[in-house]
PDB file of all heavy atoms in Angstrom:
ATOM      1  N   ILE A   1       0.834  -1.198  -0.001  1.00  0.00           N
ATOM      2  CA  ILE A   1      -0.016  -0.003  -0.005  1.00  0.00           C
ATOM      3  C   ILE A   1       0.863   1.245   0.006  1.00  0.00           C
ATOM      4  O   ILE A   1       0.596   2.254  -0.701  1.00  0.00           O
ATOM      5  CB  ILE A   1      -0.942  -0.013   1.208  1.00  0.00           C
ATOM      6  CG1 ILE A   1      -1.843  -1.270   1.188  1.00  0.00           C
ATOM      7  CG2 ILE A   1      -1.830   1.217   1.227  1.00  0.00           C
ATOM      8  CD1 ILE A   1      -2.610  -1.461   2.489  1.00  0.00           C
ATOM      9  N   ALA A   2       1.966   1.247   0.762  1.00  0.00           N
ATOM     10  CA  ALA A   2       2.838   2.425   0.817  1.00  0.00           C
ATOM     11  C   ALA A   2       3.510   2.708  -0.509  1.00  0.00           C
ATOM     12  O   ALA A   2       3.687   3.883  -0.878  1.00  0.00           O
ATOM     13  CB  ALA A   2       3.891   2.233   1.931  1.00  0.00           C
ATOM     14  N   CYS A   3       3.856   1.656  -1.245  1.00  0.00           N
ATOM     15  CA  CYS A   3       4.453   1.861  -2.601  1.00  0.00           C
ATOM     16  C   CYS A   3       3.463   2.530  -3.517  1.00  0.00           C
ATOM     17  O   CYS A   3       3.843   3.397  -4.306  1.00  0.00           O
ATOM     18  CB  CYS A   3       4.887   0.528  -3.176  1.00  0.00           C
ATOM     19  SG  CYS A   3       6.431  -0.120  -2.495  1.00  0.00           S
ATOM     20  N   TRP A   4       2.163   2.212  -3.384  1.00  0.00           N
ATOM     21  CA  TRP A   4       1.147   2.900  -4.203  1.00  0.00           C
ATOM     22  C   TRP A   4       1.094   4.379  -3.837  1.00  0.00           C
ATOM     23  O   TRP A   4       0.970   5.221  -4.712  1.00  0.00           O
ATOM     24  CB  TRP A   4      -0.214   2.254  -4.051  1.00  0.00           C
ATOM     25  CG  TRP A   4      -0.404   1.053  -4.922  1.00  0.00           C
ATOM     26  CD1 TRP A   4      -0.602  -0.230  -4.559  1.00  0.00           C
ATOM     27  CD2 TRP A   4      -0.332   1.030  -6.373  1.00  0.00           C
ATOM     28  NE1 TRP A   4      -0.694  -1.050  -5.684  1.00  0.00           N
ATOM     29  CE2 TRP A   4      -0.549  -0.301  -6.792  1.00  0.00           C
ATOM     30  CE3 TRP A   4      -0.106   2.007  -7.308  1.00  0.00           C
ATOM     31  CZ2 TRP A   4      -0.531  -0.658  -8.153  1.00  0.00           C
ATOM     32  CZ3 TRP A   4      -0.123   1.657  -8.658  1.00  0.00           C
ATOM     33  CH2 TRP A   4      -0.303   0.324  -9.049  1.00  0.00           C
ATOM     34  N   ALA A   5       1.197   4.668  -2.533  1.00  0.00           N
ATOM     35  CA  ALA A   5       1.174   6.068  -2.122  1.00  0.00           C
ATOM     36  C   ALA A   5       2.312   6.837  -2.750  1.00  0.00           C
ATOM     37  O   ALA A   5       2.140   7.954  -3.258  1.00  0.00           O
ATOM     38  CB  ALA A   5       1.199   6.164  -0.585  1.00  0.00           C
ATOM     39  N   LEU A   6       3.521   6.244  -2.726  1.00  0.00           N
ATOM     40  CA  LEU A   6       4.656   6.908  -3.342  1.00  0.00           C
ATOM     41  C   LEU A   6       4.470   7.093  -4.863  1.00  0.00           C
ATOM     42  O   LEU A   6       4.890   8.104  -5.454  1.00  0.00           O
ATOM     43  CB  LEU A   6       5.954   6.107  -3.055  1.00  0.00           C
ATOM     44  CG  LEU A   6       6.464   6.231  -1.612  1.00  0.00           C
ATOM     45  CD1 LEU A   6       7.553   5.202  -1.348  1.00  0.00           C
ATOM     46  CD2 LEU A   6       6.954   7.650  -1.340  1.00  0.00           C
ATOM     47  N   ALA A   7       3.846   6.049  -5.488  1.00  0.00           N
ATOM     48  CA  ALA A   7       3.578   6.183  -6.926  1.00  0.00           C
ATOM     49  C   ALA A   7       2.625   7.346  -7.204  1.00  0.00           C
ATOM     50  O   ALA A   7       2.827   8.096  -8.150  1.00  0.00           O
ATOM     51  CB  ALA A   7       2.923   4.868  -7.451  1.00  0.00           C
ATOM     52  N   TYR A   8       1.621   7.577  -6.371  1.00  0.00           N
ATOM     53  CA  TYR A   8       0.700   8.663  -6.548  1.00  0.00           C
ATOM     54  C   TYR A   8       1.415  10.011  -6.360  1.00  0.00           C
ATOM     55  O   TYR A   8       1.208  10.962  -7.112  1.00  0.00           O
ATOM     56  CB  TYR A   8      -0.477   8.567  -5.600  1.00  0.00           C
ATOM     57  CG  TYR A   8      -1.326   7.331  -5.773  1.00  0.00           C
ATOM     58  CD1 TYR A   8      -1.808   6.619  -4.668  1.00  0.00           C
ATOM     59  CD2 TYR A   8      -1.630   6.868  -7.039  1.00  0.00           C
ATOM     60  CE1 TYR A   8      -2.548   5.484  -4.845  1.00  0.00           C
ATOM     61  CE2 TYR A   8      -2.414   5.703  -7.194  1.00  0.00           C
ATOM     62  CZ  TYR A   8      -2.865   4.997  -6.092  1.00  0.00           C
ATOM     63  OH  TYR A   8      -3.645   3.911  -6.228  1.00  0.00           O
ATOM     64  N   LEU A   9       2.275  10.047  -5.353  1.00  0.00           N
ATOM     65  CA  LEU A   9       2.963  11.296  -5.054  1.00  0.00           C
ATOM     66  C   LEU A   9       3.976  11.680  -6.121  1.00  0.00           C
ATOM     67  O   LEU A   9       4.233  12.878  -6.346  1.00  0.00           O
ATOM     68  CB  LEU A   9       3.662  11.204  -3.679  1.00  0.00           C
ATOM     69  CG  LEU A   9       2.749  11.168  -2.433  1.00  0.00           C
ATOM     70  CD1 LEU A   9       3.545  10.889  -1.216  1.00  0.00           C
ATOM     71  CD2 LEU A   9       2.009  12.472  -2.331  1.00  0.00           C
ATOM     72  N   ALA A  10       4.538  10.691  -6.802  1.00  0.00           N
ATOM     73  CA  ALA A  10       5.524  10.955  -7.867  1.00  0.00           C
ATOM     74  C   ALA A  10       4.884  11.120  -9.230  1.00  0.00           C
ATOM     75  O   ALA A  10       5.607  11.257 -10.235  1.00  0.00           O
ATOM     76  CB  ALA A  10       6.551   9.837  -7.892  1.00  0.00           C
ATOM     77  N   ASP A  11       3.579  11.083  -9.286  1.00  0.00           N
ATOM     78  CA  ASP A  11       2.864  11.201 -10.566  1.00  0.00           C
ATOM     79  C   ASP A  11       2.556  12.633 -10.858  1.00  0.00           C
ATOM     80  O   ASP A  11       1.595  13.200 -10.337  1.00  0.00           O
ATOM     81  CB  ASP A  11       1.550  10.369 -10.481  1.00  0.00           C
ATOM     82  CG  ASP A  11       0.821  10.401 -11.777  1.00  0.00           C
ATOM     83  OD1 ASP A  11       1.348  10.876 -12.807  1.00  0.00           O
ATOM     84  OD2 ASP A  11      -0.370   9.962 -11.806  1.00  0.00           O
ATOM     85  N   GLY A  12       3.432  13.267 -11.644  1.00  0.00           N
ATOM     86  CA  GLY A  12       3.173  14.674 -11.971  1.00  0.00           C
ATOM     87  C   GLY A  12       4.426  15.402 -12.321  1.00  0.00           C
ATOM     88  O   GLY A  12       5.388  14.819 -12.811  1.00  0.00           O
ATOM     89  N   PRO A  13       4.470  16.690 -12.033  1.00  0.00           N
ATOM     90  CA  PRO A  13       5.633  17.565 -12.437  1.00  0.00           C
ATOM     91  C   PRO A  13       6.894  17.083 -11.766  1.00  0.00           C
ATOM     92  O   PRO A  13       6.899  16.377 -10.776  1.00  0.00           O
ATOM     93  CB  PRO A  13       5.212  18.912 -11.957  1.00  0.00           C
ATOM     94  CG  PRO A  13       3.714  18.875 -11.774  1.00  0.00           C
ATOM     95  CD  PRO A  13       3.387  17.483 -11.399  1.00  0.00           C
ATOM     96  N   ASN A  14       8.013  17.559 -12.320  1.00  0.00           N
ATOM     97  CA  ASN A  14       9.320  17.165 -11.838  1.00  0.00           C
ATOM     98  C   ASN A  14       9.576  17.572 -10.399  1.00  0.00           C
ATOM     99  O   ASN A  14      10.401  16.942  -9.705  1.00  0.00           O
ATOM    100  CB  ASN A  14      10.420  17.704 -12.756  1.00  0.00           C
ATOM    101  CG  ASN A  14      10.409  17.031 -14.097  1.00  0.00           C
ATOM    102  OD1 ASN A  14       9.709  16.045 -14.339  1.00  0.00           O
ATOM    103  ND2 ASN A  14      11.136  17.575 -15.066  1.00  0.00           N
ATOM    104  N   ASN A  15       8.967  18.651  -9.923  1.00  0.00           N
ATOM    105  CA  ASN A  15       9.201  19.035  -8.539  1.00  0.00           C
ATOM    106  C   ASN A  15       8.686  18.007  -7.571  1.00  0.00           C
ATOM    107  O   ASN A  15       9.230  17.780  -6.486  1.00  0.00           O
ATOM    108  CB  ASN A  15       8.585  20.420  -8.292  1.00  0.00           C
ATOM    109  CG  ASN A  15       7.086  20.418  -8.343  1.00  0.00           C
ATOM    110  OD1 ASN A  15       6.498  20.022  -9.349  1.00  0.00           O
ATOM    111  ND2 ASN A  15       6.412  20.832  -7.299  1.00  0.00           N
ATOM    112  N   LYS A  16       7.556  17.363  -7.938  1.00  0.00           N
ATOM    113  CA  LYS A  16       7.017  16.297  -7.049  1.00  0.00           C
ATOM    114  C   LYS A  16       7.988  15.108  -7.091  1.00  0.00           C
ATOM    115  O   LYS A  16       8.250  14.476  -6.026  1.00  0.00           O
ATOM    116  CB  LYS A  16       5.621  15.891  -7.557  1.00  0.00           C
ATOM    117  CG  LYS A  16       4.614  16.975  -7.419  1.00  0.00           C
ATOM    118  CD  LYS A  16       3.227  16.572  -8.013  1.00  0.00           C
ATOM    119  CE  LYS A  16       2.585  15.444  -7.263  1.00  0.00           C
ATOM    120  NZ  LYS A  16       1.246  15.153  -7.775  1.00  0.00           N
ATOM    121  N   ILE A  17       8.433  14.774  -8.280  1.00  0.00           N
ATOM    122  CA  ILE A  17       9.390  13.659  -8.397  1.00  0.00           C
ATOM    123  C   ILE A  17      10.636  13.951  -7.573  1.00  0.00           C
ATOM    124  O   ILE A  17      11.156  13.071  -6.896  1.00  0.00           O
ATOM    125  CB  ILE A  17       9.726  13.437  -9.900  1.00  0.00           C
ATOM    126  CG1 ILE A  17       8.490  12.945 -10.650  1.00  0.00           C
ATOM    127  CG2 ILE A  17      10.857  12.427 -10.031  1.00  0.00           C
ATOM    128  CD1 ILE A  17       8.654  12.861 -12.142  1.00  0.00           C
ATOM    129  N   GLN A  18      11.129  15.178  -7.641  1.00  0.00           N
ATOM    130  CA  GLN A  18      12.341  15.530  -6.931  1.00  0.00           C
ATOM    131  C   GLN A  18      12.139  15.417  -5.404  1.00  0.00           C
ATOM    132  O   GLN A  18      13.040  14.968  -4.701  1.00  0.00           O
ATOM    133  CB  GLN A  18      12.767  16.967  -7.299  1.00  0.00           C
ATOM    134  CG  GLN A  18      14.126  17.366  -6.775  1.00  0.00           C
ATOM    135  CD  GLN A  18      15.219  16.464  -7.368  1.00  0.00           C
ATOM    136  OE1 GLN A  18      15.154  15.998  -8.495  1.00  0.00           O
ATOM    137  NE2 GLN A  18      16.275  16.203  -6.552  1.00  0.00           N
ATOM    138  N   ALA A  19      10.973  15.763  -4.939  1.00  0.00           N
ATOM    139  CA  ALA A  19      10.688  15.639  -3.507  1.00  0.00           C
ATOM    140  C   ALA A  19      10.732  14.188  -3.036  1.00  0.00           C
ATOM    141  O   ALA A  19      11.242  13.861  -1.984  1.00  0.00           O
ATOM    142  CB  ALA A  19       9.338  16.244  -3.162  1.00  0.00           C
ATOM    143  N   VAL A  20      10.241  13.321  -3.886  1.00  0.00           N
ATOM    144  CA  VAL A  20      10.314  11.878  -3.562  1.00  0.00           C
ATOM    145  C   VAL A  20      11.754  11.381  -3.615  1.00  0.00           C
ATOM    146  O   VAL A  20      12.188  10.612  -2.733  1.00  0.00           O
ATOM    147  CB  VAL A  20       9.394  11.055  -4.548  1.00  0.00           C
ATOM    148  CG1 VAL A  20       9.574   9.563  -4.331  1.00  0.00           C
ATOM    149  CG2 VAL A  20       7.941  11.443  -4.379  1.00  0.00           C
ATOM    150  N   ILE A  21      12.488  11.853  -4.632  1.00  0.00           N
ATOM    151  CA  ILE A  21      13.896  11.436  -4.711  1.00  0.00           C
ATOM    152  C   ILE A  21      14.687  11.933  -3.473  1.00  0.00           C
ATOM    153  O   ILE A  21      15.470  11.166  -2.887  1.00  0.00           O
ATOM    154  CB  ILE A  21      14.536  12.020  -5.977  1.00  0.00           C
ATOM    155  CG1 ILE A  21      13.980  11.262  -7.196  1.00  0.00           C
ATOM    156  CG2 ILE A  21      16.062  11.903  -5.943  1.00  0.00           C
ATOM    157  CD1 ILE A  21      14.447  11.830  -8.568  1.00  0.00           C
ATOM    158  N   GLU A  22      14.450  13.155  -3.066  1.00  0.00           N
ATOM    159  CA  GLU A  22      15.183  13.738  -1.952  1.00  0.00           C
ATOM    160  C   GLU A  22      14.856  13.044  -0.627  1.00  0.00           C
ATOM    161  O   GLU A  22      15.664  13.162   0.342  1.00  0.00           O
ATOM    162  CB  GLU A  22      14.942  15.249  -1.864  1.00  0.00           C
ATOM    163  CG  GLU A  22      15.594  16.009  -2.997  1.00  0.00           C
ATOM    164  CD  GLU A  22      15.170  17.494  -3.032  1.00  0.00           C
ATOM    165  OE1 GLU A  22      14.336  17.865  -2.183  1.00  0.00           O
ATOM    166  OE2 GLU A  22      15.672  18.234  -3.893  1.00  0.00           O
ATOM    167  N   ALA A  23      13.759  12.332  -0.578  1.00  0.00           N
ATOM    168  CA  ALA A  23      13.435  11.571   0.614  1.00  0.00           C
ATOM    169  C   ALA A  23      14.224  10.269   0.708  1.00  0.00           C
ATOM    170  O   ALA A  23      14.080   9.491   1.640  1.00  0.00           O
ATOM    171  CB  ALA A  23      11.955  11.256   0.663  1.00  0.00           C
ATOM    172  N   THR A  24      15.071  10.018  -0.294  1.00  0.00           N
ATOM    173  CA  THR A  24      15.944   8.835  -0.376  1.00  0.00           C
ATOM    174  C   THR A  24      15.189   7.502  -0.260  1.00  0.00           C
ATOM    175  O   THR A  24      15.600   6.578   0.363  1.00  0.00           O
ATOM    176  CB  THR A  24      17.053   8.883   0.719  1.00  0.00           C
ATOM    177  OG1 THR A  24      16.458   8.807   2.017  1.00  0.00           O
ATOM    178  CG2 THR A  24      17.910  10.140   0.558  1.00  0.00           C
ATOM    179  N   VAL A  25      14.047   7.483  -0.959  1.00  0.00           N
ATOM    180  CA  VAL A  25      13.274   6.238  -0.997  1.00  0.00           C
ATOM    181  C   VAL A  25      13.637   5.374  -2.218  1.00  0.00           C
ATOM    182  O   VAL A  25      13.278   4.173  -2.251  1.00  0.00           O
ATOM    183  CB  VAL A  25      11.757   6.509  -1.001  1.00  0.00           C
ATOM    184  CG1 VAL A  25      11.329   7.266   0.200  1.00  0.00           C
ATOM    185  CG2 VAL A  25      11.341   7.269  -2.301  1.00  0.00           C
ATOM    186  N   ILE A  26      14.340   5.933  -3.173  1.00  0.00           N
ATOM    187  CA  ILE A  26      14.618   5.182  -4.417  1.00  0.00           C
ATOM    188  C   ILE A  26      15.428   3.924  -4.170  1.00  0.00           C
ATOM    189  O   ILE A  26      15.073   2.881  -4.723  1.00  0.00           O
ATOM    190  CB  ILE A  26      15.254   6.090  -5.490  1.00  0.00           C
ATOM    191  CG1 ILE A  26      14.522   7.406  -5.635  1.00  0.00           C
ATOM    192  CG2 ILE A  26      15.358   5.346  -6.788  1.00  0.00           C
ATOM    193  CD1 ILE A  26      13.086   7.258  -6.008  1.00  0.00           C
ATOM    194  N   PRO A  27      16.504   3.960  -3.427  1.00  0.00           N
ATOM    195  CA  PRO A  27      17.244   2.718  -3.190  1.00  0.00           C
ATOM    196  C   PRO A  27      16.384   1.586  -2.651  1.00  0.00           C
ATOM    197  O   PRO A  27      16.505   0.447  -3.078  1.00  0.00           O
ATOM    198  CB  PRO A  27      18.338   3.123  -2.181  1.00  0.00           C
ATOM    199  CG  PRO A  27      18.572   4.581  -2.472  1.00  0.00           C
ATOM    200  CD  PRO A  27      17.192   5.112  -2.769  1.00  0.00           C
ATOM    201  N   ARG A  28      15.476   1.939  -1.736  1.00  0.00           N
ATOM    202  CA  ARG A  28      14.556   0.884  -1.194  1.00  0.00           C
ATOM    203  C   ARG A  28      13.582   0.407  -2.238  1.00  0.00           C
ATOM    204  O   ARG A  28      13.310  -0.795  -2.354  1.00  0.00           O
ATOM    205  CB  ARG A  28      13.848   1.417   0.063  1.00  0.00           C
ATOM    206  CG  ARG A  28      12.820   0.474   0.650  1.00  0.00           C
ATOM    207  CD  ARG A  28      13.432  -0.861   1.056  1.00  0.00           C
ATOM    208  NE  ARG A  28      12.418  -1.667   1.775  1.00  0.00           N
ATOM    209  CZ  ARG A  28      12.582  -2.967   2.048  1.00  0.00           C
ATOM    210  NH1 ARG A  28      13.693  -3.576   1.677  1.00  0.00           N
ATOM    211  NH2 ARG A  28      11.629  -3.628   2.694  1.00  0.00           N
ATOM    212  N   LEU A  29      13.031   1.324  -3.014  1.00  0.00           N
ATOM    213  CA  LEU A  29      12.107   0.894  -4.091  1.00  0.00           C
ATOM    214  C   LEU A  29      12.813  -0.033  -5.052  1.00  0.00           C
ATOM    215  O   LEU A  29      12.216  -1.073  -5.502  1.00  0.00           O
ATOM    216  CB  LEU A  29      11.563   2.118  -4.836  1.00  0.00           C
ATOM    217  CG  LEU A  29      10.566   2.997  -4.109  1.00  0.00           C
ATOM    218  CD1 LEU A  29      10.242   4.217  -4.883  1.00  0.00           C
ATOM    219  CD2 LEU A  29       9.274   2.212  -3.822  1.00  0.00           C
ATOM    220  N   VAL A  30      14.045   0.273  -5.450  1.00  0.00           N
ATOM    221  CA  VAL A  30      14.791  -0.616  -6.341  1.00  0.00           C
ATOM    222  C   VAL A  30      15.039  -1.961  -5.641  1.00  0.00           C
ATOM    223  O   VAL A  30      14.858  -3.039  -6.262  1.00  0.00           O
ATOM    224  CB  VAL A  30      16.114   0.045  -6.731  1.00  0.00           C
ATOM    225  CG1 VAL A  30      17.021  -0.960  -7.477  1.00  0.00           C
ATOM    226  CG2 VAL A  30      15.865   1.280  -7.574  1.00  0.00           C
TER     227      VAL A  30
END
């Protein structure tokens, strides 16, 4: 469920994507 939430938050302009990246969640998602 949490992965879906991150998917929704990263769906849109690059500033939203950057905020998700800066939270350092990408290594765990990978």
